[in-house]
C-alpha cells in the first residue's frame, strides 16, 4: 500500500478530512473532526499507520501479527501501529482502517453522524 493509495482510500470515506496538525511529516485523517488514522508522509517503505480499535481486539491482533504493534505514542489500549506488508496485507489493512473509521464515527454526536450518511 502506497501513501497515495492510503490517502485515496481514507478520503473516499464520508466526512473524512486530512491535515498535518503536529508537524509537517505526520499526516492525520479525521472523520467529523476526530482522528481515526495517523501516518508519516516522509517515511521509507514499509508504510506504517496508527489506527484505533476495540481494546479486546487490540490485544488479539498484537498476538496474531508481527506487523501489528502497540500504538506509537498513543493509548496502547485502543491504538495499534500497523506495519503494512510485514504480515499484514491489503485486505486486512483495509478492514482495520474501516473498523477505525467506524469506531470513531460511532463516537460522534448523532447530529454529526447523520450528516455523514
PDB file of N, CA and C in Angstrom:
ATOM      1  N   UNK A   1       0.860  -1.173   0.000  1.00  0.00           N
ATOM      2  CA  UNK A   1       0.000   0.000   0.000  1.00  0.00           C
ATOM      3  C   UNK A   1       0.901   1.229   0.000  1.00  0.00           C
ATOM      4  N   UNK A   2       0.728   2.048  -0.988  1.00  0.00           N
ATOM      5  CA  UNK A   2       1.498   3.288  -1.059  1.00  0.00           C
ATOM      6  C   UNK A   2       0.775   4.381  -0.271  1.00  0.00           C
ATOM      7  N   UNK A   3       1.491   5.442   0.011  1.00  0.00           N
ATOM      8  CA  UNK A   3       0.887   6.566   0.722  1.00  0.00           C
ATOM      9  C   UNK A   3      -0.250   7.163  -0.112  1.00  0.00           C
ATOM     10  N   UNK A   4      -0.076   7.253  -1.407  1.00  0.00           N
ATOM     11  CA  UNK A   4      -1.120   7.826  -2.258  1.00  0.00           C
ATOM     12  C   UNK A   4      -2.376   6.949  -2.261  1.00  0.00           C
ATOM     13  N   UNK A   5      -2.186   5.631  -2.300  1.00  0.00           N
ATOM     14  CA  UNK A   5      -3.335   4.722  -2.232  1.00  0.00           C
ATOM     15  C   UNK A   5      -4.036   4.867  -0.886  1.00  0.00           C
ATOM     16  N   UNK A   6      -3.264   4.951   0.185  1.00  0.00           N
ATOM     17  CA  UNK A   6      -3.813   5.128   1.528  1.00  0.00           C
ATOM     18  C   UNK A   6      -4.642   6.411   1.604  1.00  0.00           C
ATOM     19  N   UNK A   7      -4.099   7.503   1.071  1.00  0.00           N
ATOM     20  CA  UNK A   7      -4.821   8.785   1.065  1.00  0.00           C
ATOM     21  C   UNK A   7      -6.139   8.660   0.304  1.00  0.00           C
ATOM     22  N   UNK A   8      -6.085   8.076  -0.883  1.00  0.00           N
ATOM     23  CA  UNK A   8      -7.288   7.918  -1.701  1.00  0.00           C
ATOM     24  C   UNK A   8      -8.325   7.062  -0.976  1.00  0.00           C
ATOM     25  N   UNK A   9      -7.871   5.984  -0.362  1.00  0.00           N
ATOM     26  CA  UNK A   9      -8.788   5.083   0.346  1.00  0.00           C
ATOM     27  C   UNK A   9      -9.450   5.802   1.526  1.00  0.00           C
ATOM     28  N   UNK A  10      -8.656   6.466   2.344  1.00  0.00           N
ATOM     29  CA  UNK A  10      -9.208   7.164   3.516  1.00  0.00           C
ATOM     30  C   UNK A  10     -10.140   8.296   3.113  1.00  0.00           C
ATOM     31  N   UNK A  11      -9.737   9.080   2.128  1.00  0.00           N
ATOM     32  CA  UNK A  11     -10.547  10.226   1.716  1.00  0.00           C
ATOM     33  C   UNK A  11     -11.835   9.830   1.001  1.00  0.00           C
ATOM     34  N   UNK A  12     -11.957   8.565   0.606  1.00  0.00           N
ATOM     35  CA  UNK A  12     -13.189   8.095  -0.026  1.00  0.00           C
ATOM     36  C   UNK A  12     -14.302   7.870   0.997  1.00  0.00           C
ATOM     37  N   UNK A  13     -13.957   7.869   2.258  1.00  0.00           N
ATOM     38  CA  UNK A  13     -14.947   7.653   3.315  1.00  0.00           C
ATOM     39  C   UNK A  13     -15.678   8.960   3.618  1.00  0.00           C
ATOM     40  N   UNK A  14     -16.992   8.907   3.775  1.00  0.00           N
ATOM     41  CA  UNK A  14     -17.781  10.125   4.005  1.00  0.00           C
ATOM     42  C   UNK A  14     -17.293  10.942   5.207  1.00  0.00           C
ATOM     43  N   UNK A  15     -17.158  12.243   4.981  1.00  0.00           N
ATOM     44  CA  UNK A  15     -16.797  13.154   6.065  1.00  0.00           C
ATOM     45  C   UNK A  15     -15.341  13.146   6.461  1.00  0.00           C
ATOM     46  N   UNK A  16     -14.490  12.477   5.673  1.00  0.00           N
ATOM     47  CA  UNK A  16     -13.071  12.388   6.025  1.00  0.00           C
ATOM     48  C   UNK A  16     -12.320  13.617   5.527  1.00  0.00           C
ATOM     49  N   UNK A  17     -11.428  14.100   6.385  1.00  0.00           N
ATOM     50  CA  UNK A  17     -10.523  15.189   6.018  1.00  0.00           C
ATOM     51  C   UNK A  17      -9.115  14.786   6.431  1.00  0.00           C
ATOM     52  N   UNK A  18      -8.135  15.497   5.897  1.00  0.00           N
ATOM     53  CA  UNK A  18      -6.741  15.229   6.259  1.00  0.00           C
ATOM     54  C   UNK A  18      -6.066  16.538   6.615  1.00  0.00           C
ATOM     55  N   UNK A  19      -5.088  16.456   7.516  1.00  0.00           N
ATOM     56  CA  UNK A  19      -4.292  17.626   7.853  1.00  0.00           C
ATOM     57  C   UNK A  19      -2.992  17.173   8.518  1.00  0.00           C
ATOM     58  N   UNK A  20      -2.133  18.131   8.801  1.00  0.00           N
ATOM     59  CA  UNK A  20      -0.856  17.854   9.469  1.00  0.00           C
ATOM     60  C   UNK A  20      -0.761  18.765  10.702  1.00  0.00           C
ATOM     61  N   UNK A  21      -1.523  18.448  11.756  1.00  0.00           N
ATOM     62  CA  UNK A  21      -1.604  19.344  12.907  1.00  0.00           C
ATOM     63  C   UNK A  21      -0.390  19.327  13.828  1.00  0.00           C
ATOM     64  N   UNK A  22       0.412  18.265  13.780  1.00  0.00           N
ATOM     65  CA  UNK A  22       1.510  18.123  14.735  1.00  0.00           C
ATOM     66  C   UNK A  22       2.849  18.574  14.175  1.00  0.00           C
ATOM     67  N   UNK A  23       3.123  18.195  12.939  1.00  0.00           N
ATOM     68  CA  UNK A  23       4.351  18.589  12.245  1.00  0.00           C
ATOM     69  C   UNK A  23       4.147  18.325  10.764  1.00  0.00           C
ATOM     70  N   UNK A  24       5.107  18.692   9.954  1.00  0.00           N
ATOM     71  CA  UNK A  24       4.931  18.565   8.507  1.00  0.00           C
ATOM     72  C   UNK A  24       5.034  17.120   8.009  1.00  0.00           C
ATOM     73  N   UNK A  25       5.399  16.166   8.881  1.00  0.00           N
ATOM     74  CA  UNK A  25       5.557  14.781   8.468  1.00  0.00           C
ATOM     75  C   UNK A  25       4.396  13.882   8.901  1.00  0.00           C
ATOM     76  N   UNK A  26       3.632  14.285   9.894  1.00  0.00           N
ATOM     77  CA  UNK A  26       2.572  13.427  10.423  1.00  0.00           C
ATOM     78  C   UNK A  26       1.233  13.791   9.783  1.00  0.00           C
ATOM     79  N   UNK A  27       0.773  12.900   8.908  1.00  0.00           N
ATOM     80  CA  UNK A  27      -0.498  13.086   8.219  1.00  0.00           C
ATOM     81  C   UNK A  27      -1.597  12.424   9.036  1.00  0.00           C
ATOM     82  N   UNK A  28      -2.669  13.167   9.263  1.00  0.00           N
ATOM     83  CA  UNK A  28      -3.773  12.720  10.100  1.00  0.00           C
ATOM     84  C   UNK A  28      -5.051  12.694   9.267  1.00  0.00           C
ATOM     85  N   UNK A  29      -5.821  11.628   9.424  1.00  0.00           N
ATOM     86  CA  UNK A  29      -7.131  11.534   8.791  1.00  0.00           C
ATOM     87  C   UNK A  29      -8.181  11.576   9.883  1.00  0.00           C
ATOM     88  N   UNK A  30      -9.219  12.382   9.652  1.00  0.00           N
ATOM     89  CA  UNK A  30     -10.275  12.588  10.638  1.00  0.00           C
ATOM     90  C   UNK A  30     -11.640  12.345  10.012  1.00  0.00           C
ATOM     91  N   UNK A  31     -12.565  11.946  10.871  1.00  0.00           N
ATOM     92  CA  UNK A  31     -13.978  11.916  10.491  1.00  0.00           C
ATOM     93  C   UNK A  31     -14.701  12.769  11.528  1.00  0.00           C
ATOM     94  N   UNK A  32     -15.467  13.733  11.047  1.00  0.00           N
ATOM     95  CA  UNK A  32     -16.170  14.623  11.958  1.00  0.00           C
ATOM     96  C   UNK A  32     -15.242  15.353  12.909  1.00  0.00           C
ATOM     97  N   UNK A  33     -14.013  15.586  12.491  1.00  0.00           N
ATOM     98  CA  UNK A  33     -13.040  16.298  13.313  1.00  0.00           C
ATOM     99  C   UNK A  33     -12.244  15.431  14.267  1.00  0.00           C
ATOM    100  N   UNK A  34     -12.562  14.130  14.363  1.00  0.00           N
ATOM    101  CA  UNK A  34     -11.847  13.221  15.273  1.00  0.00           C
ATOM    102  C   UNK A  34     -10.922  12.300  14.473  1.00  0.00           C
ATOM    103  N   UNK A  35      -9.741  12.078  14.997  1.00  0.00           N
ATOM    104  CA  UNK A  35      -8.711  11.301  14.304  1.00  0.00           C
ATOM    105  C   UNK A  35      -9.045   9.804  14.298  1.00  0.00           C
ATOM    106  N   UNK A  36      -8.907   9.188  13.100  1.00  0.00           N
ATOM    107  CA  UNK A  36      -9.026   7.733  13.015  1.00  0.00           C
ATOM    108  C   UNK A  36      -7.774   7.074  12.440  1.00  0.00           C
ATOM    109  N   UNK A  37      -6.815   7.859  11.910  1.00  0.00           N
ATOM    110  CA  UNK A  37      -5.597   7.281  11.366  1.00  0.00           C
ATOM    111  C   UNK A  37      -4.479   8.322  11.340  1.00  0.00           C
ATOM    112  N   UNK A  38      -3.286   7.875  11.724  1.00  0.00           N
ATOM    113  CA  UNK A  38      -2.052   8.672  11.623  1.00  0.00           C
ATOM    114  C   UNK A  38      -1.107   7.921  10.695  1.00  0.00           C
ATOM    115  N   UNK A  39      -0.294   8.651   9.939  1.00  0.00           N
ATOM    116  CA  UNK A  39       0.792   8.041   9.178  1.00  0.00           C
ATOM    117  C   UNK A  39       1.878   9.084   8.957  1.00  0.00           C
ATOM    118  N   UNK A  40       3.027   8.623   8.516  1.00  0.00           N
ATOM    119  CA  UNK A  40       4.145   9.511   8.230  1.00  0.00           C
ATOM    120  C   UNK A  40       4.209   9.770   6.730  1.00  0.00           C
ATOM    121  N   UNK A  41       4.375  11.017   6.363  1.00  0.00           N
ATOM    122  CA  UNK A  41       4.452  11.381   4.952  1.00  0.00           C
ATOM    123  C   UNK A  41       5.803  10.996   4.350  1.00  0.00           C
ATOM    124  N   UNK A  42       6.874  11.202   5.096  1.00  0.00           N
ATOM    125  CA  UNK A  42       8.203  11.034   4.535  1.00  0.00           C
ATOM    126  C   UNK A  42       8.904   9.739   4.856  1.00  0.00           C
ATOM    127  N   UNK A  43       8.245   8.828   5.547  1.00  0.00           N
ATOM    128  CA  UNK A  43       8.911   7.582   5.939  1.00  0.00           C
ATOM    129  C   UNK A  43       9.178   6.691   4.735  1.00  0.00           C
ATOM    130  N   UNK A  44      10.260   5.964   4.823  1.00  0.00           N
ATOM    131  CA  UNK A  44      10.582   4.973   3.797  1.00  0.00           C
ATOM    132  C   UNK A  44       9.640   3.782   3.946  1.00  0.00           C
ATOM    133  N   UNK A  45       9.379   3.069   2.861  1.00  0.00           N
ATOM    134  CA  UNK A  45       8.551   1.862   2.982  1.00  0.00           C
ATOM    135  C   UNK A  45       9.200   0.874   3.953  1.00  0.00           C
ATOM    136  N   UNK A  46       8.443   0.073   4.641  1.00  0.00           N
ATOM    137  CA  UNK A  46       7.006  -0.094   4.512  1.00  0.00           C
ATOM    138  C   UNK A  46       6.237   1.023   5.216  1.00  0.00           C
ATOM    139  N   UNK A  47       5.047   1.306   4.689  1.00  0.00           N
ATOM    140  CA  UNK A  47       4.178   2.322   5.282  1.00  0.00           C
ATOM    141  C   UNK A  47       3.704   1.822   6.643  1.00  0.00           C
ATOM    142  N   UNK A  48       3.704   2.722   7.622  1.00  0.00           N
ATOM    143  CA  UNK A  48       3.181   2.435   8.960  1.00  0.00           C
ATOM    144  C   UNK A  48       1.980   3.333   9.192  1.00  0.00           C
ATOM    145  N   UNK A  49       0.925   2.744   9.720  1.00  0.00           N
ATOM    146  CA  UNK A  49      -0.250   3.526  10.074  1.00  0.00           C
ATOM    147  C   UNK A  49      -0.605   3.243  11.526  1.00  0.00           C
ATOM    148  N   UNK A  50      -1.124   4.224  12.212  1.00  0.00           N
ATOM    149  CA  UNK A  50      -1.638   4.036  13.562  1.00  0.00           C
ATOM    150  C   UNK A  50      -3.136   4.250  13.496  1.00  0.00           C
ATOM    151  N   UNK A  51      -3.877   3.258  14.006  1.00  0.00           N
ATOM    152  CA  UNK A  51      -5.330   3.275  13.925  1.00  0.00           C
ATOM    153  C   UNK A  51      -5.944   2.806  15.234  1.00  0.00           C
ATOM    154  N   UNK A  52      -7.204   3.149  15.404  1.00  0.00           N
ATOM    155  CA  UNK A  52      -7.939   2.825  16.620  1.00  0.00           C
ATOM    156  C   UNK A  52      -8.685   1.507  16.442  1.00  0.00           C
ATOM    157  N   UNK A  53      -8.876   0.779  17.568  1.00  0.00           N
ATOM    158  CA  UNK A  53      -9.688  -0.427  17.547  1.00  0.00           C
ATOM    159  C   UNK A  53     -10.228  -0.684  18.940  1.00  0.00           C
ATOM    160  N   UNK A  54     -11.043  -1.716  19.083  1.00  0.00           N
ATOM    161  CA  UNK A  54     -11.605  -2.089  20.381  1.00  0.00           C
ATOM    162  C   UNK A  54     -10.505  -2.729  21.232  1.00  0.00           C
ATOM    163  N   UNK A  55     -10.533  -2.474  22.538  1.00  0.00           N
ATOM    164  CA  UNK A  55      -9.479  -2.950  23.445  1.00  0.00           C
ATOM    165  C   UNK A  55      -9.266  -4.461  23.347  1.00  0.00           C
ATOM    166  N   UNK A  56     -10.346  -5.232  23.295  1.00  0.00           N
ATOM    167  CA  UNK A  56     -10.222  -6.695  23.233  1.00  0.00           C
ATOM    168  C   UNK A  56      -9.524  -7.133  21.950  1.00  0.00           C
ATOM    169  N   UNK A  57      -9.839  -6.467  20.866  1.00  0.00           N
ATOM    170  CA  UNK A  57      -9.272  -6.850  19.578  1.00  0.00           C
ATOM    171  C   UNK A  57      -7.814  -6.403  19.451  1.00  0.00           C
ATOM    172  N   UNK A  58      -7.456  -5.286  20.097  1.00  0.00           N
ATOM    173  CA  UNK A  58      -6.073  -4.791  20.038  1.00  0.00           C
ATOM    174  C   UNK A  58      -5.116  -5.861  20.554  1.00  0.00           C
ATOM    175  N   UNK A  59      -5.417  -6.429  21.713  1.00  0.00           N
ATOM    176  CA  UNK A  59      -4.548  -7.457  22.295  1.00  0.00           C
ATOM    177  C   UNK A  59      -4.461  -8.676  21.386  1.00  0.00           C
ATOM    178  N   UNK A  60      -5.582  -9.091  20.837  1.00  0.00           N
ATOM    179  CA  UNK A  60      -5.637 -10.241  19.941  1.00  0.00           C
ATOM    180  C   UNK A  60      -4.800 -10.005  18.678  1.00  0.00           C
ATOM    181  N   UNK A  61      -4.936  -8.831  18.082  1.00  0.00           N
ATOM    182  CA  UNK A  61      -4.197  -8.507  16.860  1.00  0.00           C
ATOM    183  C   UNK A  61      -2.691  -8.483  17.107  1.00  0.00           C
ATOM    184  N   UNK A  62      -2.275  -7.893  18.239  1.00  0.00           N
ATOM    185  CA  UNK A  62      -0.839  -7.826  18.541  1.00  0.00           C
ATOM    186  C   UNK A  62      -0.258  -9.218  18.735  1.00  0.00           C
ATOM    187  N   UNK A  63      -1.045 -10.140  19.277  1.00  0.00           N
ATOM    188  CA  UNK A  63      -0.586 -11.515  19.472  1.00  0.00           C
ATOM    189  C   UNK A  63      -0.519 -12.283  18.157  1.00  0.00           C
ATOM    190  N   UNK A  64      -1.426 -11.948  17.240  1.00  0.00           N
ATOM    191  CA  UNK A  64      -1.563 -12.688  15.990  1.00  0.00           C
ATOM    192  C   UNK A  64      -0.586 -12.277  14.895  1.00  0.00           C
ATOM    193  N   UNK A  65      -0.215 -10.982  14.855  1.00  0.00           N
ATOM    194  CA  UNK A  65       0.553 -10.467  13.723  1.00  0.00           C
ATOM    195  C   UNK A  65       1.830  -9.775  14.187  1.00  0.00           C
ATOM    196  N   UNK A  66       2.918 -10.120  13.544  1.00  0.00           N
ATOM    197  CA  UNK A  66       4.209  -9.480  13.821  1.00  0.00           C
ATOM    198  C   UNK A  66       4.187  -8.002  13.421  1.00  0.00           C
ATOM    199  N   UNK A  67       3.429  -7.670  12.384  1.00  0.00           N
ATOM    200  CA  UNK A  67       3.361  -6.309  11.868  1.00  0.00           C
ATOM    201  C   UNK A  67       2.374  -5.407  12.593  1.00  0.00           C
ATOM    202  N   UNK A  68       1.783  -5.881  13.677  1.00  0.00           N
ATOM    203  CA  UNK A  68       0.872  -5.056  14.474  1.00  0.00           C
ATOM    204  C   UNK A  68       1.485  -4.852  15.854  1.00  0.00           C
ATOM    205  N   UNK A  69       1.774  -3.581  16.139  1.00  0.00           N
ATOM    206  CA  UNK A  69       2.499  -3.193  17.347  1.00  0.00           C
ATOM    207  C   UNK A  69       1.630  -2.276  18.207  1.00  0.00           C
ATOM    208  N   UNK A  70       2.014  -2.078  19.467  1.00  0.00           N
ATOM    209  CA  UNK A  70       1.294  -1.096  20.283  1.00  0.00           C
ATOM    210  C   UNK A  70       1.362   0.275  19.605  1.00  0.00           C
ATOM    211  N   UNK A  71       0.320   1.054  19.755  1.00  0.00           N
ATOM    212  CA  UNK A  71       0.259   2.377  19.131  1.00  0.00           C
ATOM    213  C   UNK A  71       1.414   3.258  19.578  1.00  0.00           C
ATOM    214  N   UNK A  72       2.175   3.749  18.632  1.00  0.00           N
ATOM    215  CA  UNK A  72       3.347   4.578  18.911  1.00  0.00           C
ATOM    216  C   UNK A  72       2.904   5.933  19.468  1.00  0.00           C
ATOM    217  N   UNK A  73       3.295   6.235  20.695  1.00  0.00           N
ATOM    218  CA  UNK A  73       2.933   7.477  21.391  1.00  0.00           C
ATOM    219  C   UNK A  73       1.424   7.674  21.519  1.00  0.00           C
ATOM    220  N   UNK A  74       0.687   6.591  21.605  1.00  0.00           N
ATOM    221  CA  UNK A  74      -0.770   6.652  21.715  1.00  0.00           C
ATOM    222  C   UNK A  74      -1.224   5.737  22.849  1.00  0.00           C
ATOM    223  N   UNK A  75      -2.494   5.827  23.217  1.00  0.00           N
ATOM    224  CA  UNK A  75      -3.056   4.954  24.237  1.00  0.00           C
ATOM    225  C   UNK A  75      -3.018   3.519  23.710  1.00  0.00           C
ATOM    226  N   UNK A  76      -2.146   2.711  24.261  1.00  0.00           N
ATOM    227  CA  UNK A  76      -1.905   1.368  23.748  1.00  0.00           C
ATOM    228  C   UNK A  76      -3.070   0.408  23.987  1.00  0.00           C
ATOM    229  N   UNK A  77      -4.045   0.832  24.758  1.00  0.00           N
ATOM    230  CA  UNK A  77      -5.234   0.006  24.971  1.00  0.00           C
ATOM    231  C   UNK A  77      -6.146   0.040  23.735  1.00  0.00           C
ATOM    232  N   UNK A  78      -6.153   1.165  23.028  1.00  0.00           N
ATOM    233  CA  UNK A  78      -7.075   1.344  21.909  1.00  0.00           C
ATOM    234  C   UNK A  78      -6.402   1.585  20.558  1.00  0.00           C
ATOM    235  N   UNK A  79      -5.112   1.852  20.535  1.00  0.00           N
ATOM    236  CA  UNK A  79      -4.430   2.198  19.284  1.00  0.00           C
ATOM    237  C   UNK A  79      -3.347   1.177  18.958  1.00  0.00           C
ATOM    238  N   UNK A  80      -3.235   0.860  17.681  1.00  0.00           N
ATOM    239  CA  UNK A  80      -2.178  -0.024  17.193  1.00  0.00           C
ATOM    240  C   UNK A  80      -1.441   0.670  16.051  1.00  0.00           C
ATOM    241  N   UNK A  81      -0.185   0.310  15.895  1.00  0.00           N
ATOM    242  CA  UNK A  81       0.589   0.727  14.730  1.00  0.00           C
ATOM    243  C   UNK A  81       0.741  -0.500  13.850  1.00  0.00           C
ATOM    244  N   UNK A  82       0.368  -0.349  12.593  1.00  0.00           N
ATOM    245  CA  UNK A  82       0.387  -1.455  11.645  1.00  0.00           C
ATOM    246  C   UNK A  82       1.487  -1.192  10.630  1.00  0.00           C
ATOM    247  N   UNK A  83       2.409  -2.150  10.514  1.00  0.00           N
ATOM    248  CA  UNK A  83       3.474  -2.083   9.512  1.00  0.00           C
ATOM    249  C   UNK A  83       2.968  -2.869   8.304  1.00  0.00           C
ATOM    250  N   UNK A  84       2.590  -2.135   7.275  1.00  0.00           N
ATOM    251  CA  UNK A  84       1.977  -2.768   6.117  1.00  0.00           C
ATOM    252  C   UNK A  84       2.993  -3.576   5.318  1.00  0.00           C
ATOM    253  N   UNK A  85       2.616  -4.805   5.000  1.00  0.00           N
ATOM    254  CA  UNK A  85       3.462  -5.646   4.178  1.00  0.00           C
ATOM    255  C   UNK A  85       4.294  -6.642   4.944  1.00  0.00           C
ATOM    256  N   UNK A  86       4.489  -6.454   6.248  1.00  0.00           N
ATOM    257  CA  UNK A  86       5.261  -7.443   7.016  1.00  0.00           C
ATOM    258  C   UNK A  86       4.474  -8.747   6.981  1.00  0.00           C
ATOM    259  N   UNK A  87       3.416  -8.852   7.745  1.00  0.00           N
ATOM    260  CA  UNK A  87       2.490  -9.968   7.619  1.00  0.00           C
ATOM    261  C   UNK A  87       1.047  -9.451   7.602  1.00  0.00           C
ATOM    262  N   UNK A  88       0.910  -8.150   7.373  1.00  0.00           N
ATOM    263  CA  UNK A  88      -0.400  -7.519   7.242  1.00  0.00           C
ATOM    264  C   UNK A  88      -0.541  -7.081   5.780  1.00  0.00           C
ATOM    265  N   UNK A  89      -1.409  -7.783   5.073  1.00  0.00           N
ATOM    266  CA  UNK A  89      -1.603  -7.495   3.658  1.00  0.00           C
ATOM    267  C   UNK A  89      -2.803  -6.573   3.453  1.00  0.00           C
ATOM    268  N   UNK A  90      -3.012  -6.153   2.221  1.00  0.00           N
ATOM    269  CA  UNK A  90      -4.023  -5.158   1.868  1.00  0.00           C
ATOM    270  C   UNK A  90      -5.424  -5.457   2.408  1.00  0.00           C
ATOM    271  N   UNK A  91      -5.966  -6.666   2.253  1.00  0.00           N
ATOM    272  CA  UNK A  91      -7.337  -6.886   2.749  1.00  0.00           C
ATOM    273  C   UNK A  91      -7.466  -6.633   4.254  1.00  0.00           C
ATOM    274  N   UNK A  92      -6.527  -7.112   5.043  1.00  0.00           N
ATOM    275  CA  UNK A  92      -6.579  -6.888   6.490  1.00  0.00           C
ATOM    276  C   UNK A  92      -6.370  -5.416   6.815  1.00  0.00           C
ATOM    277  N   UNK A  93      -5.446  -4.768   6.131  1.00  0.00           N
ATOM    278  CA  UNK A  93      -5.195  -3.344   6.376  1.00  0.00           C
ATOM    279  C   UNK A  93      -6.458  -2.524   6.121  1.00  0.00           C
ATOM    280  N   UNK A  94      -7.147  -2.795   5.019  1.00  0.00           N
ATOM    281  CA  UNK A  94      -8.375  -2.064   4.701  1.00  0.00           C
ATOM    282  C   UNK A  94      -9.462  -2.347   5.745  1.00  0.00           C
ATOM    283  N   UNK A  95      -9.558  -3.581   6.184  1.00  0.00           N
ATOM    284  CA  UNK A  95     -10.533  -3.949   7.223  1.00  0.00           C
ATOM    285  C   UNK A  95     -10.259  -3.176   8.519  1.00  0.00           C
ATOM    286  N   UNK A  96      -8.992  -3.092   8.905  1.00  0.00           N
ATOM    287  CA  UNK A  96      -8.627  -2.376  10.129  1.00  0.00           C
ATOM    288  C   UNK A  96      -8.872  -0.874  10.000  1.00  0.00           C
ATOM    289  N   UNK A  97      -8.605  -0.318   8.831  1.00  0.00           N
ATOM    290  CA  UNK A  97      -8.889   1.102   8.589  1.00  0.00           C
ATOM    291  C   UNK A  97     -10.395   1.341   8.670  1.00  0.00           C
ATOM    292  N   UNK A  98     -11.174   0.454   8.062  1.00  0.00           N
ATOM    293  CA  UNK A  98     -12.631   0.574   8.104  1.00  0.00           C
ATOM    294  C   UNK A  98     -13.146   0.519   9.539  1.00  0.00           C
ATOM    295  N   UNK A  99     -12.586  -0.389  10.331  1.00  0.00           N
ATOM    296  CA  UNK A  99     -13.001  -0.512  11.733  1.00  0.00           C
ATOM    297  C   UNK A  99     -12.657   0.752  12.515  1.00  0.00           C
ATOM    298  N   UNK A 100     -11.482   1.300  12.299  1.00  0.00           N
ATOM    299  CA  UNK A 100     -11.073   2.514  12.988  1.00  0.00           C
ATOM    300  C   UNK A 100     -12.022   3.655  12.642  1.00  0.00           C
ATOM    301  N   UNK A 101     -12.304   3.807  11.364  1.00  0.00           N
ATOM    302  CA  UNK A 101     -13.238   4.837  10.901  1.00  0.00           C
ATOM    303  C   UNK A 101     -14.601   4.659  11.577  1.00  0.00           C
ATOM    304  N   UNK A 102     -15.117   3.425  11.584  1.00  0.00           N
ATOM    305  CA  UNK A 102     -16.444   3.146  12.151  1.00  0.00           C
ATOM    306  C   UNK A 102     -16.487   3.422  13.651  1.00  0.00           C
ATOM    307  N   UNK A 103     -15.438   3.060  14.366  1.00  0.00           N
ATOM    308  CA  UNK A 103     -15.375   3.290  15.816  1.00  0.00           C
ATOM    309  C   UNK A 103     -15.406   4.780  16.116  1.00  0.00           C
ATOM    310  N   UNK A 104     -14.608   5.533  15.395  1.00  0.00           N
ATOM    311  CA  UNK A 104     -14.542   6.977  15.635  1.00  0.00           C
ATOM    312  C   UNK A 104     -15.847   7.642  15.203  1.00  0.00           C
ATOM    313  N   UNK A 105     -16.379   7.239  14.065  1.00  0.00           N
ATOM    314  CA  UNK A 105     -17.642   7.805  13.594  1.00  0.00           C
ATOM    315  C   UNK A 105     -18.758   7.541  14.609  1.00  0.00           C
ATOM    316  N   UNK A 106     -18.808   6.341  15.175  1.00  0.00           N
ATOM    317  CA  UNK A 106     -19.847   5.988  16.150  1.00  0.00           C
ATOM    318  C   UNK A 106     -19.728   6.798  17.439  1.00  0.00           C
ATOM    319  N   UNK A 107     -18.545   7.347  17.706  1.00  0.00           N
ATOM    320  CA  UNK A 107     -18.355   8.146  18.923  1.00  0.00           C
ATOM    321  C   UNK A 107     -18.791   9.602  18.743  1.00  0.00           C
ATOM    322  N   UNK A 108     -19.109   9.981  17.514  1.00  0.00           N
ATOM    323  CA  UNK A 108     -19.529  11.350  17.231  1.00  0.00           C
ATOM    324  C   UNK A 108     -20.978  11.565  17.679  1.00  0.00           C
ATOM    325  N   UNK A 109     -21.341  12.801  17.969  1.00  0.00           N
ATOM    326  CA  UNK A 109     -22.743  13.086  18.279  1.00  0.00           C
ATOM    327  C   UNK A 109     -23.645  12.647  17.122  1.00  0.00           C
ATOM    328  N   UNK A 110     -24.853  12.188  17.443  1.00  0.00           N
ATOM    329  CA  UNK A 110     -25.802  11.687  16.432  1.00  0.00           C
ATOM    330  C   UNK A 110     -26.056  12.701  15.321  1.00  0.00           C
ATOM    331  N   UNK A 111     -26.087  13.969  15.666  1.00  0.00           N
ATOM    332  CA  UNK A 111     -26.343  15.015  14.675  1.00  0.00           C
ATOM    333  C   UNK A 111     -25.232  15.050  13.622  1.00  0.00           C
ATOM    334  N   UNK A 112     -23.986  14.908  14.058  1.00  0.00           N
ATOM    335  CA  UNK A 112     -22.858  14.898  13.119  1.00  0.00           C
ATOM    336  C   UNK A 112     -22.860  13.594  12.323  1.00  0.00           C
ATOM    337  N   UNK A 113     -23.152  12.465  12.987  1.00  0.00           N
ATOM    338  CA  UNK A 113     -23.218  11.176  12.286  1.00  0.00           C
ATOM    339  C   UNK A 113     -24.232  11.233  11.146  1.00  0.00           C
ATOM    340  N   UNK A 114     -25.354  11.874  11.397  1.00  0.00           N
ATOM    341  CA  UNK A 114     -26.409  11.964  10.383  1.00  0.00           C
ATOM    342  C   UNK A 114     -25.942  12.705   9.136  1.00  0.00           C
ATOM    343  N   UNK A 115     -25.069  13.678   9.288  1.00  0.00           N
ATOM    344  CA  UNK A 115     -24.568  14.432   8.133  1.00  0.00           C
ATOM    345  C   UNK A 115     -23.576  13.618   7.312  1.00  0.00           C
ATOM    346  N   UNK A 116     -23.072  12.523   7.862  1.00  0.00           N
ATOM    347  CA  UNK A 116     -22.071  11.707   7.170  1.00  0.00           C
ATOM    348  C   UNK A 116     -22.682  10.563   6.372  1.00  0.00           C
ATOM    349  N   UNK A 117     -23.968  10.373   6.495  1.00  0.00           N
ATOM    350  CA  UNK A 117     -24.646   9.251   5.798  1.00  0.00           C
ATOM    351  C   UNK A 117     -24.759   9.539   4.325  1.00  0.00           C
TER     352      UNK A 117
END
